[in-house]
Amino acid sequence: MTTEDLGGLATEASDPRYAELDLMSVAELAQTMNEADATVPVAVQRALGQIVPAIEATAARMAQGGRLVYVGAGTPGRIGVLDASECPPTFSTPPELVFAIMAGGPGAIVNPVEGAEDDAEAGAAAIDAAGIGPLDTVIGIASSGRTPYVIAAVRRARELGALSIGLSCNVGTALSAAAEHGIEVEVGPEVLSGSTRLKSGTAQKLVLNMFSTISMVRNGKAYGNLMVDVKATNHKLRERAIRMVQTIADADRDTAVAALETAAYDVKLASIMIRRGEDLAAATARLGAADGRLRTALEEN
């Protein structure tokens, strides 16, 4: 892409409304940024027509054992790492089910690796190294929609039969063209020109929240709006687990605690034990037969 092309990107543009940013007071800056940020959910809403079918396809592949893989450079890569790293504690998923590939390697999460985003060969190689296959979903994230590392990764994933998705914050991008599903959340110029960790980064986080959360909900990782697969690894989460079992099983606290202690604080198993009057072995078998879906396990005879 030429310098002229880059200058034409909305994410690189300078908004004249913010031309005197350095002269504003702290209160004015905070108000300005807050007003700009408020436009991001609206931009995401406009892109729902692109987002929904991509999530439906992702959830379907994950139901068959596929993985969800984020690929990015710089801020988009770090946002992918953030979303992926929250899946194991929230949904008790193995770390290899949802993970992120960062241009420049793990060290680039903290310390930028110069030129990593321009290395297209490394992007394709990272997909091969991850063993990407037909059941997997690969989401390439690039604010500009023209990052060589990300485009090459998405293109290679598509060649291997994976579901390929490109998430950008411009329109008509090369990333969208490389992917089976192009998602373009047009947030417009940043308050600080070119600083795509701002509105663009917020948009990417909102969209990835949807991908991971909706895919997990569709695959039995929630009961109602309760995160019943949470890992109860601290006091706060153990208390949450107790409240969930009390709600699901209509039980008092002592009954919920006793069942959870027997079930190693597995909310699903404890709820089944109380609701169905079964021991741990029977509850485990019932949940397995229901493919891990608590609602199905509780309702089936």
C-alpha atoms as a PDB file:
ATOM      1  CA  MET A   1       0.000   0.000   0.000  1.00  0.00           C
ATOM      2  CA  THR A   2       1.328   3.424  -0.901  1.00  0.00           C
ATOM      3  CA  THR A   3       1.770   6.373   1.425  1.00  0.00           C
ATOM      4  CA  GLU A   4      -1.133   8.046  -0.361  1.00  0.00           C
ATOM      5  CA  ASP A   5      -3.347   5.013   0.239  1.00  0.00           C
ATOM      6  CA  LEU A   6      -2.489   4.977   3.937  1.00  0.00           C
ATOM      7  CA  GLY A   7      -3.353   8.637   4.248  1.00  0.00           C
ATOM      8  CA  GLY A   8      -6.790   7.898   2.842  1.00  0.00           C
ATOM      9  CA  LEU A   9      -7.695   5.477   5.630  1.00  0.00           C
ATOM     10  CA  ALA A  10     -10.255   6.748   8.126  1.00  0.00           C
ATOM     11  CA  THR A  11      -8.183   5.304  10.976  1.00  0.00           C
ATOM     12  CA  GLU A  12      -5.220   7.439   9.846  1.00  0.00           C
ATOM     13  CA  ALA A  13      -7.188  10.622   9.217  1.00  0.00           C
ATOM     14  CA  SER A  14      -7.008  13.773  11.333  1.00  0.00           C
ATOM     15  CA  ASP A  15     -10.380  15.046  12.552  1.00  0.00           C
ATOM     16  CA  PRO A  16     -10.480  18.877  12.480  1.00  0.00           C
ATOM     17  CA  ARG A  17     -12.724  18.860  15.559  1.00  0.00           C
ATOM     18  CA  TYR A  18      -9.684  17.859  17.576  1.00  0.00           C
ATOM     19  CA  ALA A  19      -7.177  20.206  15.967  1.00  0.00           C
ATOM     20  CA  GLU A  20      -6.572  22.047  19.258  1.00  0.00           C
ATOM     21  CA  LEU A  21      -6.431  18.972  21.451  1.00  0.00           C
ATOM     22  CA  ASP A  22      -3.234  20.137  23.152  1.00  0.00           C
ATOM     23  CA  LEU A  23      -4.911  23.384  24.234  1.00  0.00           C
ATOM     24  CA  MET A  24      -7.835  21.714  25.997  1.00  0.00           C
ATOM     25  CA  SER A  25      -8.208  21.439  29.758  1.00  0.00           C
ATOM     26  CA  VAL A  26      -8.324  18.049  31.425  1.00  0.00           C
ATOM     27  CA  ALA A  27     -12.096  18.365  31.788  1.00  0.00           C
ATOM     28  CA  GLU A  28     -12.475  19.249  28.108  1.00  0.00           C
ATOM     29  CA  LEU A  29     -10.233  16.367  27.049  1.00  0.00           C
ATOM     30  CA  ALA A  30     -12.163  13.887  29.185  1.00  0.00           C
ATOM     31  CA  GLN A  31     -15.490  15.128  27.801  1.00  0.00           C
ATOM     32  CA  THR A  32     -14.179  15.000  24.240  1.00  0.00           C
ATOM     33  CA  MET A  33     -12.871  11.460  24.574  1.00  0.00           C
ATOM     34  CA  ASN A  34     -16.014  10.268  26.310  1.00  0.00           C
ATOM     35  CA  GLU A  35     -18.195  11.681  23.532  1.00  0.00           C
ATOM     36  CA  ALA A  36     -16.011  10.006  20.903  1.00  0.00           C
ATOM     37  CA  ASP A  37     -16.092   6.687  22.746  1.00  0.00           C
ATOM     38  CA  ALA A  38     -19.895   6.803  22.890  1.00  0.00           C
ATOM     39  CA  THR A  39     -19.988   6.467  19.093  1.00  0.00           C
ATOM     40  CA  VAL A  40     -18.234   3.083  19.144  1.00  0.00           C
ATOM     41  CA  PRO A  41     -21.200   0.873  20.164  1.00  0.00           C
ATOM     42  CA  VAL A  42     -23.233   2.544  17.412  1.00  0.00           C
ATOM     43  CA  ALA A  43     -20.544   1.626  14.875  1.00  0.00           C
ATOM     44  CA  VAL A  44     -20.557  -1.949  16.160  1.00  0.00           C
ATOM     45  CA  GLN A  45     -24.342  -2.049  15.858  1.00  0.00           C
ATOM     46  CA  ARG A  46     -24.085  -0.983  12.216  1.00  0.00           C
ATOM     47  CA  ALA A  47     -21.785  -3.953  11.603  1.00  0.00           C
ATOM     48  CA  LEU A  48     -24.043  -6.563  13.247  1.00  0.00           C
ATOM     49  CA  GLY A  49     -25.115  -7.804   9.828  1.00  0.00           C
ATOM     50  CA  GLN A  50     -21.516  -8.873   9.269  1.00  0.00           C
ATOM     51  CA  ILE A  51     -20.854  -9.975  12.848  1.00  0.00           C
ATOM     52  CA  VAL A  52     -23.828 -12.301  13.434  1.00  0.00           C
ATOM     53  CA  PRO A  53     -23.272 -14.805  10.590  1.00  0.00           C
ATOM     54  CA  ALA A  54     -19.564 -14.970  11.441  1.00  0.00           C
ATOM     55  CA  ILE A  55     -20.359 -15.840  15.061  1.00  0.00           C
ATOM     56  CA  GLU A  56     -22.946 -18.418  13.993  1.00  0.00           C
ATOM     57  CA  ALA A  57     -20.353 -20.120  11.814  1.00  0.00           C
ATOM     58  CA  THR A  58     -17.771 -19.944  14.606  1.00  0.00           C
ATOM     59  CA  ALA A  59     -20.075 -21.486  17.216  1.00  0.00           C
ATOM     60  CA  ALA A  60     -21.002 -24.292  14.814  1.00  0.00           C
ATOM     61  CA  ARG A  61     -17.355 -25.224  14.271  1.00  0.00           C
ATOM     62  CA  MET A  62     -16.561 -25.023  17.964  1.00  0.00           C
ATOM     63  CA  ALA A  63     -19.444 -27.416  18.619  1.00  0.00           C
ATOM     64  CA  GLN A  64     -17.541 -29.912  16.479  1.00  0.00           C
ATOM     65  CA  GLY A  65     -14.333 -29.450  18.455  1.00  0.00           C
ATOM     66  CA  GLY A  66     -12.823 -26.540  16.572  1.00  0.00           C
ATOM     67  CA  ARG A  67     -10.670 -23.829  18.104  1.00  0.00           C
ATOM     68  CA  LEU A  68     -11.037 -20.049  18.109  1.00  0.00           C
ATOM     69  CA  VAL A  69      -7.805 -18.277  17.204  1.00  0.00           C
ATOM     70  CA  TYR A  70      -7.133 -14.548  17.179  1.00  0.00           C
ATOM     71  CA  VAL A  71      -4.279 -13.086  15.118  1.00  0.00           C
ATOM     72  CA  GLY A  72      -3.045  -9.525  15.417  1.00  0.00           C
ATOM     73  CA  ALA A  73      -0.138  -7.132  15.677  1.00  0.00           C
ATOM     74  CA  GLY A  74       0.268  -4.376  18.247  1.00  0.00           C
ATOM     75  CA  THR A  75      -2.912  -3.278  20.006  1.00  0.00           C
ATOM     76  CA  PRO A  76      -5.250  -5.635  18.088  1.00  0.00           C
ATOM     77  CA  GLY A  77      -2.987  -8.573  18.979  1.00  0.00           C
ATOM     78  CA  ARG A  78      -2.980  -7.576  22.643  1.00  0.00           C
ATOM     79  CA  ILE A  79      -6.766  -7.292  22.639  1.00  0.00           C
ATOM     80  CA  GLY A  80      -6.908 -10.811  21.195  1.00  0.00           C
ATOM     81  CA  VAL A  81      -4.607 -12.038  23.965  1.00  0.00           C
ATOM     82  CA  LEU A  82      -6.804 -10.353  26.580  1.00  0.00           C
ATOM     83  CA  ASP A  83     -10.031 -11.922  25.337  1.00  0.00           C
ATOM     84  CA  ALA A  84      -8.508 -15.380  24.897  1.00  0.00           C
ATOM     85  CA  SER A  85      -6.877 -15.366  28.327  1.00  0.00           C
ATOM     86  CA  GLU A  86     -10.237 -14.765  30.024  1.00  0.00           C
ATOM     87  CA  CYS A  87     -11.873 -17.886  28.569  1.00  0.00           C
ATOM     88  CA  PRO A  88     -10.256 -20.534  30.840  1.00  0.00           C
ATOM     89  CA  PRO A  89     -11.306 -18.890  34.141  1.00  0.00           C
ATOM     90  CA  THR A  90     -14.720 -17.824  32.851  1.00  0.00           C
ATOM     91  CA  PHE A  91     -15.712 -20.981  31.002  1.00  0.00           C
ATOM     92  CA  SER A  92     -13.257 -23.643  32.282  1.00  0.00           C
ATOM     93  CA  THR A  93     -11.933 -24.135  28.764  1.00  0.00           C
ATOM     94  CA  PRO A  94      -8.465 -25.528  28.089  1.00  0.00           C
ATOM     95  CA  PRO A  95      -6.035 -22.759  27.072  1.00  0.00           C
ATOM     96  CA  GLU A  96      -5.595 -24.284  23.634  1.00  0.00           C
ATOM     97  CA  LEU A  97      -9.310 -23.898  22.777  1.00  0.00           C
ATOM     98  CA  VAL A  98      -9.226 -20.104  22.483  1.00  0.00           C
ATOM     99  CA  PHE A  99      -5.835 -18.492  22.009  1.00  0.00           C
ATOM    100  CA  ALA A 100      -4.101 -15.598  20.308  1.00  0.00           C
ATOM    101  CA  ILE A 101      -1.200 -15.405  17.890  1.00  0.00           C
ATOM    102  CA  MET A 102       0.791 -12.208  18.308  1.00  0.00           C
ATOM    103  CA  ALA A 103       3.030 -10.779  15.600  1.00  0.00           C
ATOM    104  CA  GLY A 104       6.549 -10.758  17.004  1.00  0.00           C
ATOM    105  CA  GLY A 105       5.801 -13.567  19.467  1.00  0.00           C
ATOM    106  CA  PRO A 106       4.741 -13.522  23.144  1.00  0.00           C
ATOM    107  CA  GLY A 107       7.349 -10.905  24.033  1.00  0.00           C
ATOM    108  CA  ALA A 108       5.570  -8.406  21.783  1.00  0.00           C
ATOM    109  CA  ILE A 109       2.601  -8.418  24.152  1.00  0.00           C
ATOM    110  CA  VAL A 110       4.600  -6.136  26.442  1.00  0.00           C
ATOM    111  CA  ASN A 111       7.463  -4.840  24.307  1.00  0.00           C
ATOM    112  CA  PRO A 112       6.739  -3.856  20.679  1.00  0.00           C
ATOM    113  CA  VAL A 113       8.727  -5.745  18.051  1.00  0.00           C
ATOM    114  CA  GLU A 114       9.572  -3.338  15.263  1.00  0.00           C
ATOM    115  CA  GLY A 115       8.560  -4.484  11.803  1.00  0.00           C
ATOM    116  CA  ALA A 116       6.748  -7.605  13.002  1.00  0.00           C
ATOM    117  CA  GLU A 117       3.435  -6.513  11.510  1.00  0.00           C
ATOM    118  CA  ASP A 118       5.009  -6.204   8.058  1.00  0.00           C
ATOM    119  CA  ASP A 119       6.294  -9.797   7.989  1.00  0.00           C
ATOM    120  CA  ALA A 120       3.731 -11.609   5.845  1.00  0.00           C
ATOM    121  CA  GLU A 121       5.760 -14.827   5.712  1.00  0.00           C
ATOM    122  CA  ALA A 122       5.791 -14.995   9.513  1.00  0.00           C
ATOM    123  CA  GLY A 123       2.018 -14.590   9.611  1.00  0.00           C
ATOM    124  CA  ALA A 124       1.456 -17.547   7.302  1.00  0.00           C
ATOM    125  CA  ALA A 125       4.083 -19.596   9.143  1.00  0.00           C
ATOM    126  CA  ALA A 126       2.375 -18.944  12.489  1.00  0.00           C
ATOM    127  CA  ILE A 127      -0.832 -20.483  11.143  1.00  0.00           C
ATOM    128  CA  ASP A 128       1.059 -23.581   9.999  1.00  0.00           C
ATOM    129  CA  ALA A 129       2.822 -23.812  13.369  1.00  0.00           C
ATOM    130  CA  ALA A 130      -0.536 -23.696  15.169  1.00  0.00           C
ATOM    131  CA  GLY A 131      -1.756 -26.684  13.144  1.00  0.00           C
ATOM    132  CA  ILE A 132      -4.818 -24.816  11.922  1.00  0.00           C
ATOM    133  CA  GLY A 133      -7.380 -27.095  10.261  1.00  0.00           C
ATOM    134  CA  PRO A 134     -10.912 -27.142   8.821  1.00  0.00           C
ATOM    135  CA  LEU A 135     -12.729 -27.067  12.167  1.00  0.00           C
ATOM    136  CA  ASP A 136     -10.847 -24.015  13.434  1.00  0.00           C
ATOM    137  CA  THR A 137     -11.848 -20.358  13.246  1.00  0.00           C
ATOM    138  CA  VAL A 138      -9.159 -17.737  12.688  1.00  0.00           C
ATOM    139  CA  ILE A 139     -10.002 -14.078  13.281  1.00  0.00           C
ATOM    140  CA  GLY A 140      -7.468 -11.627  11.947  1.00  0.00           C
ATOM    141  CA  ILE A 141      -7.641  -8.253  13.679  1.00  0.00           C
ATOM    142  CA  ALA A 142      -6.178  -5.100  12.139  1.00  0.00           C
ATOM    143  CA  SER A 143      -7.503  -1.584  12.635  1.00  0.00           C
ATOM    144  CA  SER A 144      -6.295  -0.490   9.217  1.00  0.00           C
ATOM    145  CA  GLY A 145      -7.346  -3.726   7.517  1.00  0.00           C
ATOM    146  CA  ARG A 146      -4.044  -3.813   5.637  1.00  0.00           C
ATOM    147  CA  THR A 147      -1.501  -5.333   8.094  1.00  0.00           C
ATOM    148  CA  PRO A 148       0.608  -7.815   6.055  1.00  0.00           C
ATOM    149  CA  TYR A 149       1.176 -10.269   8.953  1.00  0.00           C
ATOM    150  CA  VAL A 150      -2.546 -10.521   9.661  1.00  0.00           C
ATOM    151  CA  ILE A 151      -3.664 -10.705   6.045  1.00  0.00           C
ATOM    152  CA  ALA A 152      -1.180 -13.489   5.309  1.00  0.00           C
ATOM    153  CA  ALA A 153      -2.316 -15.416   8.394  1.00  0.00           C
ATOM    154  CA  VAL A 154      -5.973 -15.155   7.430  1.00  0.00           C
ATOM    155  CA  ARG A 155      -5.256 -16.072   3.829  1.00  0.00           C
ATOM    156  CA  ARG A 156      -3.277 -19.149   4.919  1.00  0.00           C
ATOM    157  CA  ALA A 157      -5.999 -20.202   7.340  1.00  0.00           C
ATOM    158  CA  ARG A 158      -8.544 -19.995   4.550  1.00  0.00           C
ATOM    159  CA  GLU A 159      -6.325 -22.098   2.286  1.00  0.00           C
ATOM    160  CA  LEU A 160      -6.259 -24.752   5.013  1.00  0.00           C
ATOM    161  CA  GLY A 161     -10.050 -24.839   5.164  1.00  0.00           C
ATOM    162  CA  ALA A 162     -10.469 -22.951   8.429  1.00  0.00           C
ATOM    163  CA  LEU A 163     -13.232 -20.401   8.906  1.00  0.00           C
ATOM    164  CA  SER A 164     -11.489 -17.100   8.184  1.00  0.00           C
ATOM    165  CA  ILE A 165     -12.700 -13.777   9.554  1.00  0.00           C
ATOM    166  CA  GLY A 166     -11.186 -10.325   9.144  1.00  0.00           C
ATOM    167  CA  LEU A 167     -11.985  -7.613  11.710  1.00  0.00           C
ATOM    168  CA  SER A 168     -11.005  -4.074  10.794  1.00  0.00           C
ATOM    169  CA  CYS A 169     -12.094  -0.471  11.347  1.00  0.00           C
ATOM    170  CA  ASN A 170     -12.061   0.744   7.739  1.00  0.00           C
ATOM    171  CA  VAL A 171     -14.203  -0.157   4.738  1.00  0.00           C
ATOM    172  CA  GLY A 172     -13.283  -2.102   1.636  1.00  0.00           C
ATOM    173  CA  THR A 173     -10.136  -3.499   3.244  1.00  0.00           C
ATOM    174  CA  ALA A 174      -7.634  -6.030   1.965  1.00  0.00           C
ATOM    175  CA  LEU A 175      -8.229  -8.022   5.151  1.00  0.00           C
ATOM    176  CA  SER A 176     -11.929  -8.360   4.369  1.00  0.00           C
ATOM    177  CA  ALA A 177     -11.070  -9.466   0.844  1.00  0.00           C
ATOM    178  CA  ALA A 178      -8.733 -12.164   2.179  1.00  0.00           C
ATOM    179  CA  ALA A 179     -11.289 -13.557   4.634  1.00  0.00           C
ATOM    180  CA  GLU A 180     -14.467 -15.531   4.154  1.00  0.00           C
ATOM    181  CA  HIS A 181     -16.210 -13.118   6.533  1.00  0.00           C
ATOM    182  CA  GLY A 182     -15.194  -9.470   6.545  1.00  0.00           C
ATOM    183  CA  ILE A 183     -16.255  -7.390   9.541  1.00  0.00           C
ATOM    184  CA  GLU A 184     -15.698  -3.667   9.143  1.00  0.00           C
ATOM    185  CA  VAL A 185     -16.542  -1.500  12.157  1.00  0.00           C
ATOM    186  CA  GLU A 186     -16.121   2.016  10.836  1.00  0.00           C
ATOM    187  CA  VAL A 187     -15.359   4.148  13.892  1.00  0.00           C
ATOM    188  CA  GLY A 188     -13.850   7.093  11.997  1.00  0.00           C
ATOM    189  CA  PRO A 189     -10.761   9.152  12.876  1.00  0.00           C
ATOM    190  CA  GLU A 190      -9.352   8.911  16.376  1.00  0.00           C
ATOM    191  CA  VAL A 191      -9.316  11.827  18.841  1.00  0.00           C
ATOM    192  CA  LEU A 192      -5.533  11.490  18.794  1.00  0.00           C
ATOM    193  CA  SER A 193      -4.934  10.984  15.078  1.00  0.00           C
ATOM    194  CA  GLY A 194      -3.820   7.461  14.205  1.00  0.00           C
ATOM    195  CA  SER A 195      -3.934   6.200  17.810  1.00  0.00           C
ATOM    196  CA  THR A 196      -6.034   3.149  17.059  1.00  0.00           C
ATOM    197  CA  ARG A 197      -5.766   1.861  20.621  1.00  0.00           C
ATOM    198  CA  LEU A 198      -8.649   4.287  21.273  1.00  0.00           C
ATOM    199  CA  LYS A 199     -11.973   3.906  19.395  1.00  0.00           C
ATOM    200  CA  SER A 200     -10.666   1.151  17.126  1.00  0.00           C
ATOM    201  CA  GLY A 201      -9.345  -0.850  20.069  1.00  0.00           C
ATOM    202  CA  THR A 202     -12.617  -0.424  21.949  1.00  0.00           C
ATOM    203  CA  ALA A 203     -14.568  -1.635  18.920  1.00  0.00           C
ATOM    204  CA  GLN A 204     -12.341  -4.694  18.590  1.00  0.00           C
ATOM    205  CA  LYS A 205     -12.796  -5.563  22.262  1.00  0.00           C
ATOM    206  CA  LEU A 206     -16.572  -5.287  21.944  1.00  0.00           C
ATOM    207  CA  VAL A 207     -16.644  -7.562  18.914  1.00  0.00           C
ATOM    208  CA  LEU A 208     -14.311 -10.161  20.438  1.00  0.00           C
ATOM    209  CA  ASN A 209     -16.458 -10.121  23.594  1.00  0.00           C
ATOM    210  CA  MET A 210     -19.318 -11.186  21.340  1.00  0.00           C
ATOM    211  CA  PHE A 211     -17.370 -13.928  19.586  1.00  0.00           C
ATOM    212  CA  SER A 212     -16.058 -15.648  22.700  1.00  0.00           C
ATOM    213  CA  THR A 213     -19.106 -15.153  24.922  1.00  0.00           C
ATOM    214  CA  ILE A 214     -21.779 -16.017  22.361  1.00  0.00           C
ATOM    215  CA  SER A 215     -19.856 -19.054  21.111  1.00  0.00           C
ATOM    216  CA  MET A 216     -19.530 -20.329  24.672  1.00  0.00           C
ATOM    217  CA  VAL A 217     -23.186 -19.675  25.501  1.00  0.00           C
ATOM    218  CA  ARG A 218     -24.283 -21.457  22.333  1.00  0.00           C
ATOM    219  CA  ASN A 219     -22.154 -24.423  23.322  1.00  0.00           C
ATOM    220  CA  GLY A 220     -23.625 -24.930  26.780  1.00  0.00           C
ATOM    221  CA  LYS A 221     -21.284 -22.800  28.878  1.00  0.00           C
ATOM    222  CA  ALA A 222     -24.110 -20.862  30.512  1.00  0.00           C
ATOM    223  CA  TYR A 223     -27.407 -21.575  32.247  1.00  0.00           C
ATOM    224  CA  GLY A 224     -29.639 -18.586  31.727  1.00  0.00           C
ATOM    225  CA  ASN A 225     -27.210 -15.739  32.284  1.00  0.00           C
ATOM    226  CA  LEU A 226     -25.147 -17.637  34.853  1.00  0.00           C
ATOM    227  CA  MET A 227     -21.519 -18.589  34.113  1.00  0.00           C
ATOM    228  CA  VAL A 228     -21.935 -22.117  35.397  1.00  0.00           C
ATOM    229  CA  ASP A 229     -18.543 -23.294  34.121  1.00  0.00           C
ATOM    230  CA  VAL A 230     -16.584 -20.712  36.102  1.00  0.00           C
ATOM    231  CA  LYS A 231     -13.446 -21.931  37.873  1.00  0.00           C
ATOM    232  CA  ALA A 232     -14.027 -21.160  41.581  1.00  0.00           C
ATOM    233  CA  THR A 233     -10.394 -20.412  42.364  1.00  0.00           C
ATOM    234  CA  ASN A 234     -10.821 -17.683  44.977  1.00  0.00           C
ATOM    235  CA  HIS A 235     -13.232 -16.564  47.691  1.00  0.00           C
ATOM    236  CA  LYS A 236     -15.265 -14.277  45.433  1.00  0.00           C
ATOM    237  CA  LEU A 237     -15.765 -16.992  42.820  1.00  0.00           C
ATOM    238  CA  ARG A 238     -16.598 -19.647  45.410  1.00  0.00           C
ATOM    239  CA  GLU A 239     -19.272 -17.366  46.809  1.00  0.00           C
ATOM    240  CA  ARG A 240     -20.579 -16.819  43.291  1.00  0.00           C
ATOM    241  CA  ALA A 241     -20.700 -20.581  42.762  1.00  0.00           C
ATOM    242  CA  ILE A 242     -22.692 -21.013  45.958  1.00  0.00           C
ATOM    243  CA  ARG A 243     -25.210 -18.365  44.916  1.00  0.00           C
ATOM    244  CA  MET A 244     -25.588 -19.953  41.483  1.00  0.00           C
ATOM    245  CA  VAL A 245     -26.295 -23.396  42.920  1.00  0.00           C
ATOM    246  CA  GLN A 246     -28.773 -21.917  45.378  1.00  0.00           C
ATOM    247  CA  THR A 247     -30.570 -20.226  42.473  1.00  0.00           C
ATOM    248  CA  ILE A 248     -30.506 -23.146  40.042  1.00  0.00           C
ATOM    249  CA  ALA A 249     -31.349 -25.854  42.558  1.00  0.00           C
ATOM    250  CA  ASP A 250     -33.594 -23.731  44.818  1.00  0.00           C
ATOM    251  CA  ALA A 251     -31.431 -24.801  47.749  1.00  0.00           C
ATOM    252  CA  ASP A 252     -30.321 -23.234  51.000  1.00  0.00           C
ATOM    253  CA  ARG A 253     -26.704 -22.217  51.482  1.00  0.00           C
ATOM    254  CA  ASP A 254     -25.655 -25.254  53.533  1.00  0.00           C
ATOM    255  CA  THR A 255     -27.064 -27.670  50.952  1.00  0.00           C
ATOM    256  CA  ALA A 256     -25.367 -25.801  48.126  1.00  0.00           C
ATOM    257  CA  VAL A 257     -22.003 -25.732  49.911  1.00  0.00           C
ATOM    258  CA  ALA A 258     -22.157 -29.432  50.738  1.00  0.00           C
ATOM    259  CA  ALA A 259     -22.903 -30.363  47.126  1.00  0.00           C
ATOM    260  CA  LEU A 260     -20.200 -28.064  45.788  1.00  0.00           C
ATOM    261  CA  GLU A 261     -17.596 -29.476  48.149  1.00  0.00           C
ATOM    262  CA  THR A 262     -18.494 -32.991  46.997  1.00  0.00           C
ATOM    263  CA  ALA A 263     -18.303 -31.899  43.355  1.00  0.00           C
ATOM    264  CA  ALA A 264     -15.007 -29.983  43.698  1.00  0.00           C
ATOM    265  CA  TYR A 265     -16.957 -26.744  43.254  1.00  0.00           C
ATOM    266  CA  ASP A 266     -18.374 -27.721  39.874  1.00  0.00           C
ATOM    267  CA  VAL A 267     -21.594 -25.696  39.676  1.00  0.00           C
ATOM    268  CA  LYS A 268     -23.217 -27.910  37.062  1.00  0.00           C
ATOM    269  CA  LEU A 269     -22.625 -31.151  38.936  1.00  0.00           C
ATOM    270  CA  ALA A 270     -23.662 -29.702  42.288  1.00  0.00           C
ATOM    271  CA  SER A 271     -26.883 -28.360  40.774  1.00  0.00           C
ATOM    272  CA  ILE A 272     -27.730 -31.702  39.196  1.00  0.00           C
ATOM    273  CA  MET A 273     -27.008 -33.574  42.430  1.00  0.00           C
ATOM    274  CA  ILE A 274     -29.469 -31.436  44.361  1.00  0.00           C
ATOM    275  CA  ARG A 275     -32.165 -31.035  41.704  1.00  0.00           C
ATOM    276  CA  ARG A 276     -32.117 -34.681  40.611  1.00  0.00           C
ATOM    277  CA  GLY A 277     -31.285 -36.190  43.984  1.00  0.00           C
ATOM    278  CA  GLU A 278     -28.302 -38.058  42.502  1.00  0.00           C
ATOM    279  CA  ASP A 279     -24.806 -38.803  43.700  1.00  0.00           C
ATOM    280  CA  LEU A 280     -21.700 -37.408  42.048  1.00  0.00           C
ATOM    281  CA  ALA A 281     -21.180 -40.389  39.738  1.00  0.00           C
ATOM    282  CA  ALA A 282     -24.741 -40.294  38.452  1.00  0.00           C
ATOM    283  CA  ALA A 283     -24.659 -36.520  38.036  1.00  0.00           C
ATOM    284  CA  THR A 284     -21.396 -36.770  36.112  1.00  0.00           C
ATOM    285  CA  ALA A 285     -22.852 -39.383  33.791  1.00  0.00           C
ATOM    286  CA  ARG A 286     -25.997 -37.338  33.267  1.00  0.00           C
ATOM    287  CA  LEU A 287     -24.045 -34.208  32.411  1.00  0.00           C
ATOM    288  CA  GLY A 288     -21.833 -36.133  30.016  1.00  0.00           C
ATOM    289  CA  ALA A 289     -24.854 -37.583  28.243  1.00  0.00           C
ATOM    290  CA  ALA A 290     -26.171 -34.031  27.856  1.00  0.00           C
ATOM    291  CA  ASP A 291     -22.915 -32.935  26.213  1.00  0.00           C
ATOM    292  CA  GLY A 292     -22.180 -30.664  29.166  1.00  0.00           C
ATOM    293  CA  ARG A 293     -25.407 -28.666  28.805  1.00  0.00           C
ATOM    294  CA  LEU A 294     -26.890 -28.133  32.255  1.00  0.00           C
ATOM    295  CA  ARG A 295     -30.389 -27.250  31.085  1.00  0.00           C
ATOM    296  CA  THR A 296     -30.596 -30.456  29.077  1.00  0.00           C
ATOM    297  CA  ALA A 297     -29.243 -32.519  31.974  1.00  0.00           C
ATOM    298  CA  LEU A 298     -31.766 -31.079  34.407  1.00  0.00           C
ATOM    299  CA  GLU A 299     -34.762 -31.503  32.105  1.00  0.00           C
ATOM    300  CA  GLU A 300     -34.145 -34.972  30.652  1.00  0.00           C
ATOM    301  CA  ASN A 301     -35.691 -37.985  32.368  1.00  0.00           C
END
